[in-house]
Amino acid sequence: MGFPFFTHCTKANVSDDQGLIEMLTQNIDYFKSKPSELPKITLLVDHGYHPDKLTIALEQIYPQIMTKIQFELKALPSKGEKEAQGLSGFVPVAARWGKRTVKCLGGAM
């Protein structure tokens, strides 16, 4: 359904990877209590994230976490796909979530 499990606000100079690590660390008890026999939680991420680096960092915090979560790197539209739609430059990915909202609003809340 795409419903958020957790939210976490960071300063604009915090990397996507670091912000995700902080958020999952703050909520690590949720993952520890999640039964392994349930399907993995899929974290849909864009190219601002590095799943290999995230996996290493998260396994240092909770070694079994990857038995409970998985990353899905959302594909970017190709240049041809954008041109076919009459688009160019930055094109939002359909499944992208609103993590950039505050930055786009100039930090106003």
N, C-alpha and C. Protein backbone atom coordinates (compact mmCIF):
# COMPACT_ATOMS: atom_id res chain seq x y z
N MET A 1 0.81 -1.19 0.00
CA MET A 1 0.00 0.00 0.00
C MET A 1 0.86 1.25 0.00
N GLY A 2 2.11 1.17 0.41
CA GLY A 2 2.97 2.33 0.41
C GLY A 2 2.79 3.23 1.62
N PHE A 3 2.14 2.74 2.68
CA PHE A 3 1.97 3.55 3.87
C PHE A 3 3.30 3.66 4.62
N PRO A 4 3.62 4.85 5.13
CA PRO A 4 4.89 4.99 5.89
C PRO A 4 4.81 4.25 7.22
N PHE A 5 5.90 3.59 7.56
CA PHE A 5 6.01 2.95 8.86
C PHE A 5 6.55 3.95 9.87
N PHE A 6 7.53 4.75 9.45
CA PHE A 6 8.20 5.68 10.34
C PHE A 6 8.49 6.97 9.57
N THR A 7 8.75 8.04 10.30
CA THR A 7 9.23 9.27 9.70
C THR A 7 10.44 9.73 10.48
N HIS A 8 11.29 10.49 9.82
CA HIS A 8 12.51 10.98 10.46
C HIS A 8 12.94 12.24 9.72
N CYS A 9 13.09 13.33 10.43
CA CYS A 9 13.52 14.59 9.82
C CYS A 9 14.99 14.82 10.10
N THR A 10 15.70 15.28 9.09
CA THR A 10 17.12 15.58 9.23
C THR A 10 17.40 16.95 8.63
N LYS A 11 18.58 17.47 8.92
CA LYS A 11 19.04 18.68 8.26
C LYS A 11 19.31 18.35 6.80
N ALA A 12 19.32 19.34 5.95
CA ALA A 12 19.50 19.13 4.52
C ALA A 12 20.88 18.56 4.19
N ASN A 13 21.86 18.74 5.06
CA ASN A 13 23.21 18.24 4.75
C ASN A 13 23.43 16.79 5.16
N VAL A 14 22.40 16.11 5.64
CA VAL A 14 22.50 14.69 6.00
C VAL A 14 22.17 13.88 4.75
N SER A 15 23.04 12.93 4.42
CA SER A 15 22.83 12.11 3.22
C SER A 15 21.58 11.25 3.38
N ASP A 16 21.03 10.84 2.24
CA ASP A 16 19.88 9.93 2.25
C ASP A 16 20.23 8.66 3.02
N ASP A 17 21.41 8.10 2.74
CA ASP A 17 21.82 6.87 3.42
C ASP A 17 21.84 7.07 4.94
N GLN A 18 22.49 8.15 5.40
CA GLN A 18 22.63 8.38 6.84
C GLN A 18 21.26 8.61 7.48
N GLY A 19 20.40 9.35 6.81
CA GLY A 19 19.06 9.58 7.35
C GLY A 19 18.27 8.29 7.50
N LEU A 20 18.38 7.39 6.52
CA LEU A 20 17.68 6.11 6.60
C LEU A 20 18.26 5.25 7.72
N ILE A 21 19.57 5.24 7.85
CA ILE A 21 20.21 4.47 8.93
C ILE A 21 19.73 4.99 10.28
N GLU A 22 19.68 6.31 10.45
CA GLU A 22 19.22 6.89 11.72
C GLU A 22 17.77 6.48 12.00
N MET A 23 16.91 6.59 10.98
CA MET A 23 15.50 6.27 11.17
C MET A 23 15.30 4.80 11.56
N LEU A 24 15.98 3.90 10.85
CA LEU A 24 15.82 2.48 11.16
C LEU A 24 16.42 2.14 12.51
N THR A 25 17.53 2.79 12.87
CA THR A 25 18.15 2.55 14.18
C THR A 25 17.21 2.98 15.30
N GLN A 26 16.57 4.12 15.14
CA GLN A 26 15.64 4.60 16.17
C GLN A 26 14.45 3.67 16.35
N ASN A 27 14.16 2.89 15.33
CA ASN A 27 13.00 1.98 15.36
C ASN A 27 13.41 0.51 15.28
N ILE A 28 14.62 0.22 15.70
CA ILE A 28 15.18 -1.13 15.53
C ILE A 28 14.37 -2.18 16.29
N ASP A 29 13.71 -1.81 17.38
CA ASP A 29 12.92 -2.79 18.13
C ASP A 29 11.78 -3.34 17.30
N TYR A 30 11.25 -2.53 16.38
CA TYR A 30 10.19 -3.01 15.49
C TYR A 30 10.71 -4.20 14.67
N PHE A 31 11.91 -4.05 14.13
CA PHE A 31 12.48 -5.10 13.28
C PHE A 31 12.90 -6.31 14.10
N LYS A 32 13.38 -6.09 15.28
CA LYS A 32 13.75 -7.20 16.15
C LYS A 32 12.54 -8.03 16.53
N SER A 33 11.38 -7.39 16.70
CA SER A 33 10.19 -8.12 17.11
C SER A 33 9.40 -8.70 15.92
N LYS A 34 9.73 -8.30 14.70
CA LYS A 34 9.01 -8.79 13.53
C LYS A 34 9.38 -10.25 13.28
N PRO A 35 8.42 -11.15 13.25
CA PRO A 35 8.73 -12.57 13.01
C PRO A 35 9.38 -12.77 11.63
N SER A 36 10.43 -13.56 11.60
CA SER A 36 11.16 -13.81 10.36
C SER A 36 10.33 -14.54 9.31
N GLU A 37 9.30 -15.26 9.74
CA GLU A 37 8.50 -16.01 8.76
C GLU A 37 7.53 -15.11 7.98
N LEU A 38 7.33 -13.87 8.43
CA LEU A 38 6.51 -12.93 7.67
C LEU A 38 7.31 -12.42 6.47
N PRO A 39 6.62 -12.00 5.41
CA PRO A 39 7.35 -11.48 4.24
C PRO A 39 8.23 -10.29 4.62
N LYS A 40 9.32 -10.14 3.90
CA LYS A 40 10.21 -9.02 4.14
C LYS A 40 9.51 -7.70 3.80
N ILE A 41 9.89 -6.66 4.51
CA ILE A 41 9.43 -5.31 4.21
C ILE A 41 10.31 -4.79 3.09
N THR A 42 9.70 -4.30 2.02
CA THR A 42 10.46 -3.75 0.90
C THR A 42 10.59 -2.25 1.08
N LEU A 43 11.82 -1.76 1.07
CA LEU A 43 12.09 -0.34 1.14
C LEU A 43 12.40 0.13 -0.28
N LEU A 44 11.50 0.89 -0.85
CA LEU A 44 11.67 1.41 -2.20
C LEU A 44 12.54 2.65 -2.12
N VAL A 45 13.71 2.60 -2.73
CA VAL A 45 14.65 3.71 -2.65
C VAL A 45 15.03 4.19 -4.04
N ASP A 46 15.47 5.44 -4.12
CA ASP A 46 15.92 5.99 -5.39
C ASP A 46 17.45 5.93 -5.44
N HIS A 47 18.01 6.56 -6.44
CA HIS A 47 19.45 6.46 -6.66
C HIS A 47 20.28 7.33 -5.73
N GLY A 48 19.63 8.00 -4.78
CA GLY A 48 20.35 8.72 -3.72
C GLY A 48 20.79 7.77 -2.62
N TYR A 49 20.35 6.54 -2.68
CA TYR A 49 20.68 5.52 -1.68
C TYR A 49 21.62 4.49 -2.28
N HIS A 50 22.36 3.84 -1.41
CA HIS A 50 23.34 2.83 -1.82
C HIS A 50 23.09 1.56 -1.01
N PRO A 51 22.23 0.65 -1.53
CA PRO A 51 21.82 -0.53 -0.78
C PRO A 51 22.98 -1.37 -0.22
N ASP A 52 24.08 -1.50 -0.96
CA ASP A 52 25.21 -2.29 -0.45
C ASP A 52 25.79 -1.66 0.81
N LYS A 53 25.97 -0.35 0.80
CA LYS A 53 26.51 0.35 1.97
C LYS A 53 25.51 0.33 3.12
N LEU A 54 24.23 0.50 2.80
CA LEU A 54 23.19 0.46 3.83
C LEU A 54 23.16 -0.90 4.52
N THR A 55 23.25 -1.96 3.73
CA THR A 55 23.22 -3.32 4.28
C THR A 55 24.35 -3.51 5.29
N ILE A 56 25.56 -3.10 4.93
CA ILE A 56 26.71 -3.25 5.83
C ILE A 56 26.48 -2.48 7.12
N ALA A 57 26.04 -1.23 7.01
CA ALA A 57 25.83 -0.40 8.20
C ALA A 57 24.72 -0.95 9.07
N LEU A 58 23.62 -1.36 8.47
CA LEU A 58 22.48 -1.87 9.25
C LEU A 58 22.79 -3.20 9.91
N GLU A 59 23.56 -4.06 9.25
CA GLU A 59 23.92 -5.35 9.85
C GLU A 59 24.85 -5.17 11.05
N GLN A 60 25.58 -4.06 11.12
CA GLN A 60 26.40 -3.78 12.31
C GLN A 60 25.51 -3.41 13.50
N ILE A 61 24.35 -2.84 13.21
CA ILE A 61 23.42 -2.45 14.26
C ILE A 61 22.57 -3.64 14.69
N TYR A 62 22.10 -4.40 13.71
CA TYR A 62 21.25 -5.57 13.97
C TYR A 62 21.56 -6.61 12.89
N PRO A 63 22.39 -7.61 13.21
CA PRO A 63 22.87 -8.56 12.20
C PRO A 63 21.78 -9.28 11.40
N GLN A 64 20.60 -9.48 11.96
CA GLN A 64 19.54 -10.21 11.26
C GLN A 64 18.59 -9.32 10.46
N ILE A 65 18.87 -8.04 10.37
CA ILE A 65 17.91 -7.12 9.75
C ILE A 65 17.59 -7.48 8.30
N MET A 66 18.54 -7.99 7.56
CA MET A 66 18.29 -8.28 6.15
C MET A 66 17.43 -9.54 5.96
N THR A 67 17.12 -10.24 7.06
CA THR A 67 16.15 -11.33 6.97
C THR A 67 14.73 -10.77 7.08
N LYS A 68 14.64 -9.46 7.39
CA LYS A 68 13.34 -8.84 7.61
C LYS A 68 13.04 -7.69 6.65
N ILE A 69 14.06 -7.17 6.00
CA ILE A 69 13.85 -6.09 5.03
C ILE A 69 14.60 -6.39 3.74
N GLN A 70 14.20 -5.70 2.68
CA GLN A 70 14.93 -5.76 1.42
C GLN A 70 14.82 -4.40 0.75
N PHE A 71 15.80 -4.06 -0.05
CA PHE A 71 15.79 -2.79 -0.77
C PHE A 71 15.39 -3.05 -2.22
N GLU A 72 14.59 -2.14 -2.75
CA GLU A 72 14.26 -2.17 -4.17
C GLU A 72 14.64 -0.80 -4.73
N LEU A 73 15.63 -0.80 -5.61
CA LEU A 73 16.10 0.43 -6.23
C LEU A 73 15.18 0.77 -7.40
N LYS A 74 14.49 1.89 -7.30
CA LYS A 74 13.54 2.29 -8.34
C LYS A 74 14.29 2.71 -9.59
N ALA A 75 13.90 2.15 -10.71
CA ALA A 75 14.54 2.46 -11.99
C ALA A 75 14.21 3.88 -12.42
N LEU A 76 15.19 4.56 -12.97
CA LEU A 76 14.98 5.90 -13.51
C LEU A 76 14.46 5.79 -14.94
N PRO A 77 13.62 6.73 -15.37
CA PRO A 77 13.18 6.68 -16.77
C PRO A 77 14.36 6.98 -17.70
N SER A 78 14.43 6.25 -18.80
CA SER A 78 15.52 6.47 -19.76
C SER A 78 15.28 7.77 -20.52
N LYS A 79 16.32 8.24 -21.19
CA LYS A 79 16.20 9.45 -21.99
C LYS A 79 15.12 9.27 -23.06
N GLY A 80 15.08 8.10 -23.68
CA GLY A 80 14.07 7.80 -24.69
C GLY A 80 12.67 7.82 -24.14
N GLU A 81 12.49 7.26 -22.93
CA GLU A 81 11.17 7.25 -22.30
C GLU A 81 10.72 8.68 -21.99
N LYS A 82 11.66 9.50 -21.51
CA LYS A 82 11.31 10.89 -21.22
C LYS A 82 10.95 11.64 -22.50
N GLU A 83 11.74 11.44 -23.55
CA GLU A 83 11.47 12.12 -24.83
C GLU A 83 10.11 11.71 -25.40
N ALA A 84 9.76 10.43 -25.26
CA ALA A 84 8.48 9.94 -25.77
C ALA A 84 7.30 10.61 -25.06
N GLN A 85 7.53 11.04 -23.83
CA GLN A 85 6.49 11.72 -23.06
C GLN A 85 6.60 13.24 -23.17
N GLY A 86 7.57 13.71 -23.97
CA GLY A 86 7.77 15.15 -24.13
C GLY A 86 8.39 15.80 -22.92
N LEU A 87 9.18 15.03 -22.15
CA LEU A 87 9.80 15.53 -20.93
C LEU A 87 11.31 15.56 -21.08
N SER A 88 11.95 16.37 -20.24
CA SER A 88 13.42 16.39 -20.20
C SER A 88 13.84 16.79 -18.80
N GLY A 89 15.15 16.62 -18.52
CA GLY A 89 15.67 16.98 -17.20
C GLY A 89 15.14 16.06 -16.11
N PHE A 90 14.96 16.64 -14.92
CA PHE A 90 14.47 15.85 -13.78
C PHE A 90 13.01 15.49 -13.98
N VAL A 91 12.71 14.22 -13.86
CA VAL A 91 11.35 13.73 -13.96
C VAL A 91 11.08 12.89 -12.72
N PRO A 92 10.07 13.27 -11.90
CA PRO A 92 9.78 12.49 -10.71
C PRO A 92 9.42 11.05 -11.06
N VAL A 93 9.89 10.12 -10.24
CA VAL A 93 9.56 8.71 -10.42
C VAL A 93 8.20 8.48 -9.78
N ALA A 94 7.35 7.75 -10.44
CA ALA A 94 5.95 7.56 -10.00
C ALA A 94 5.84 7.08 -8.57
N ALA A 95 6.72 6.19 -8.14
CA ALA A 95 6.60 5.61 -6.80
C ALA A 95 7.41 6.37 -5.76
N ARG A 96 7.99 7.49 -6.14
CA ARG A 96 8.82 8.25 -5.22
C ARG A 96 7.97 8.82 -4.08
N TRP A 97 8.50 8.80 -2.89
CA TRP A 97 7.80 9.33 -1.75
C TRP A 97 8.19 10.78 -1.52
N GLY A 98 7.61 11.45 -0.55
CA GLY A 98 7.77 12.89 -0.40
C GLY A 98 8.91 13.37 0.46
N LYS A 99 10.04 12.70 0.41
CA LYS A 99 11.14 13.08 1.29
C LYS A 99 11.71 14.45 0.99
N ARG A 100 11.51 14.97 -0.20
CA ARG A 100 12.10 16.26 -0.56
C ARG A 100 11.13 17.42 -0.37
N THR A 101 9.98 17.18 0.19
CA THR A 101 8.96 18.21 0.28
C THR A 101 9.44 19.44 1.03
N VAL A 102 10.03 19.27 2.21
CA VAL A 102 10.47 20.42 3.00
C VAL A 102 11.56 21.19 2.26
N LYS A 103 12.49 20.47 1.62
CA LYS A 103 13.55 21.15 0.88
C LYS A 103 12.95 21.95 -0.28
N CYS A 104 11.94 21.41 -0.94
CA CYS A 104 11.32 22.12 -2.07
C CYS A 104 10.55 23.33 -1.61
N LEU A 105 10.10 23.34 -0.37
CA LEU A 105 9.37 24.48 0.16
C LEU A 105 10.30 25.47 0.85
N GLY A 106 11.61 25.28 0.68
CA GLY A 106 12.57 26.20 1.28
C GLY A 106 12.72 26.02 2.78
N GLY A 107 12.30 24.87 3.29
CA GLY A 107 12.43 24.57 4.70
C GLY A 107 11.30 25.14 5.55
N ALA A 108 10.33 25.81 4.93
CA ALA A 108 9.22 26.37 5.69
C ALA A 108 8.32 25.26 6.22
N MET A 109 7.89 25.37 7.42
CA MET A 109 7.02 24.37 8.01
C MET A 109 5.83 25.03 8.67
